[in-house]
Amino acid sequence: MAVIRRNLVLSLAYNVVAVSLAVTGHMNPVLAAVLMPLSSMTVVLSSYRAKTF
């Protein structure tokens, strides 16, 4: 359960920061869209490392 919570927090935090920067104009929205899969890769790699998926 700890891995799920950690993955959820990491993904939500990354998405909130990236979307907020894109909405306020501090980051190009296209760049934010390209970087969005990074949050998914973080979750997958974290689960793989914990070997609990």
N, C-alpha and C. Protein backbone atom coordinates (compact mmCIF):
# COMPACT_ATOMS: atom_id res chain seq x y z
N MET A 1 0.81 -1.19 0.00
CA MET A 1 0.00 0.00 0.00
C MET A 1 0.86 1.26 0.00
N ALA A 2 2.03 1.20 0.60
CA ALA A 2 2.92 2.36 0.64
C ALA A 2 3.41 2.74 -0.75
N VAL A 3 3.65 1.74 -1.58
CA VAL A 3 4.10 2.00 -2.95
C VAL A 3 3.01 2.71 -3.74
N ILE A 4 1.78 2.30 -3.54
CA ILE A 4 0.66 2.93 -4.25
C ILE A 4 0.53 4.39 -3.82
N ARG A 5 0.61 4.64 -2.53
CA ARG A 5 0.51 6.02 -2.03
C ARG A 5 1.65 6.88 -2.57
N ARG A 6 2.87 6.34 -2.53
CA ARG A 6 4.03 7.09 -3.02
C ARG A 6 3.87 7.40 -4.50
N ASN A 7 3.44 6.42 -5.28
CA ASN A 7 3.25 6.63 -6.71
C ASN A 7 2.17 7.67 -6.98
N LEU A 8 1.10 7.61 -6.23
CA LEU A 8 0.02 8.57 -6.40
C LEU A 8 0.49 9.98 -6.08
N VAL A 9 1.21 10.14 -4.99
CA VAL A 9 1.70 11.45 -4.60
C VAL A 9 2.69 11.99 -5.63
N LEU A 10 3.61 11.16 -6.08
CA LEU A 10 4.58 11.60 -7.09
C LEU A 10 3.89 12.04 -8.37
N SER A 11 2.96 11.25 -8.83
CA SER A 11 2.27 11.56 -10.07
C SER A 11 1.43 12.83 -9.94
N LEU A 12 0.67 12.94 -8.87
CA LEU A 12 -0.16 14.13 -8.68
C LEU A 12 0.69 15.39 -8.52
N ALA A 13 1.76 15.30 -7.77
CA ALA A 13 2.63 16.46 -7.56
C ALA A 13 3.23 16.91 -8.89
N TYR A 14 3.73 15.98 -9.66
CA TYR A 14 4.33 16.33 -10.94
C TYR A 14 3.30 16.97 -11.87
N ASN A 15 2.11 16.38 -11.92
CA ASN A 15 1.07 16.91 -12.81
C ASN A 15 0.59 18.28 -12.36
N VAL A 16 0.43 18.49 -11.06
CA VAL A 16 -0.01 19.79 -10.56
C VAL A 16 1.02 20.87 -10.90
N VAL A 17 2.29 20.57 -10.70
CA VAL A 17 3.34 21.55 -10.99
C VAL A 17 3.40 21.85 -12.49
N ALA A 18 3.41 20.82 -13.31
CA ALA A 18 3.52 21.02 -14.76
C ALA A 18 2.30 21.76 -15.32
N VAL A 19 1.13 21.38 -14.91
CA VAL A 19 -0.08 22.03 -15.41
C VAL A 19 -0.15 23.47 -14.93
N SER A 20 0.21 23.71 -13.68
CA SER A 20 0.20 25.07 -13.14
C SER A 20 1.17 25.97 -13.90
N LEU A 21 2.36 25.46 -14.18
CA LEU A 21 3.32 26.25 -14.94
C LEU A 21 2.83 26.51 -16.36
N ALA A 22 2.19 25.55 -16.97
CA ALA A 22 1.67 25.73 -18.33
C ALA A 22 0.52 26.73 -18.35
N VAL A 23 -0.37 26.65 -17.37
CA VAL A 23 -1.53 27.54 -17.34
C VAL A 23 -1.10 28.99 -17.09
N THR A 24 -0.13 29.20 -16.23
CA THR A 24 0.31 30.56 -15.92
C THR A 24 1.25 31.12 -16.98
N GLY A 25 1.65 30.32 -17.95
CA GLY A 25 2.50 30.81 -19.03
C GLY A 25 3.98 30.71 -18.76
N HIS A 26 4.37 30.08 -17.67
CA HIS A 26 5.79 29.93 -17.35
C HIS A 26 6.42 28.76 -18.11
N MET A 27 5.58 27.92 -18.67
CA MET A 27 6.06 26.77 -19.45
C MET A 27 5.19 26.66 -20.69
N ASN A 28 5.82 26.35 -21.78
CA ASN A 28 5.09 26.15 -23.02
C ASN A 28 4.13 24.96 -22.84
N PRO A 29 2.84 25.11 -23.17
CA PRO A 29 1.89 24.01 -23.00
C PRO A 29 2.28 22.75 -23.78
N VAL A 30 2.92 22.93 -24.93
CA VAL A 30 3.37 21.77 -25.70
C VAL A 30 4.45 21.02 -24.93
N LEU A 31 5.35 21.75 -24.31
CA LEU A 31 6.39 21.12 -23.50
C LEU A 31 5.78 20.37 -22.32
N ALA A 32 4.78 20.98 -21.69
CA ALA A 32 4.10 20.30 -20.58
C ALA A 32 3.43 19.02 -21.05
N ALA A 33 2.82 19.05 -22.24
CA ALA A 33 2.17 17.85 -22.78
C ALA A 33 3.20 16.78 -23.11
N VAL A 34 4.35 17.17 -23.57
CA VAL A 34 5.41 16.20 -23.88
C VAL A 34 5.98 15.60 -22.60
N LEU A 35 6.08 16.41 -21.56
CA LEU A 35 6.65 15.93 -20.29
C LEU A 35 5.65 15.14 -19.45
N MET A 36 4.36 15.22 -19.77
CA MET A 36 3.34 14.55 -18.97
C MET A 36 3.57 13.03 -18.86
N PRO A 37 3.99 12.35 -19.92
CA PRO A 37 4.25 10.91 -19.75
C PRO A 37 5.37 10.59 -18.76
N LEU A 38 6.16 11.60 -18.41
CA LEU A 38 7.20 11.37 -17.41
C LEU A 38 6.61 10.94 -16.08
N SER A 39 5.44 11.47 -15.73
CA SER A 39 4.81 11.06 -14.47
C SER A 39 4.41 9.59 -14.53
N SER A 40 3.94 9.15 -15.69
CA SER A 40 3.58 7.73 -15.83
C SER A 40 4.82 6.85 -15.75
N MET A 41 5.89 7.29 -16.36
CA MET A 41 7.13 6.51 -16.31
C MET A 41 7.67 6.46 -14.88
N THR A 42 7.50 7.52 -14.13
CA THR A 42 7.93 7.53 -12.73
C THR A 42 7.18 6.48 -11.93
N VAL A 43 5.87 6.40 -12.15
CA VAL A 43 5.05 5.42 -11.45
C VAL A 43 5.46 4.00 -11.84
N VAL A 44 5.64 3.76 -13.12
CA VAL A 44 6.01 2.43 -13.59
C VAL A 44 7.38 2.02 -13.04
N LEU A 45 8.35 2.91 -13.11
CA LEU A 45 9.69 2.59 -12.61
C LEU A 45 9.70 2.39 -11.11
N SER A 46 8.93 3.17 -10.40
CA SER A 46 8.85 3.01 -8.95
C SER A 46 8.22 1.65 -8.59
N SER A 47 7.17 1.28 -9.31
CA SER A 47 6.52 -0.01 -9.05
C SER A 47 7.46 -1.17 -9.42
N TYR A 48 8.17 -1.00 -10.51
CA TYR A 48 9.11 -2.05 -10.94
C TYR A 48 10.21 -2.21 -9.90
N ARG A 49 10.69 -1.10 -9.38
CA ARG A 49 11.75 -1.14 -8.38
C ARG A 49 11.27 -1.84 -7.10
N ALA A 50 10.00 -1.60 -6.75
CA ALA A 50 9.45 -2.22 -5.54
C ALA A 50 9.01 -3.66 -5.80
N LYS A 51 8.87 -4.04 -7.07
CA LYS A 51 8.45 -5.38 -7.46
C LYS A 51 7.12 -5.78 -6.83
N THR A 52 6.18 -4.82 -6.81
CA THR A 52 4.88 -5.10 -6.22
C THR A 52 3.73 -4.93 -7.20
N PHE A 53 4.02 -4.90 -8.48
CA PHE A 53 2.95 -4.71 -9.46
C PHE A 53 2.48 -6.03 -9.99
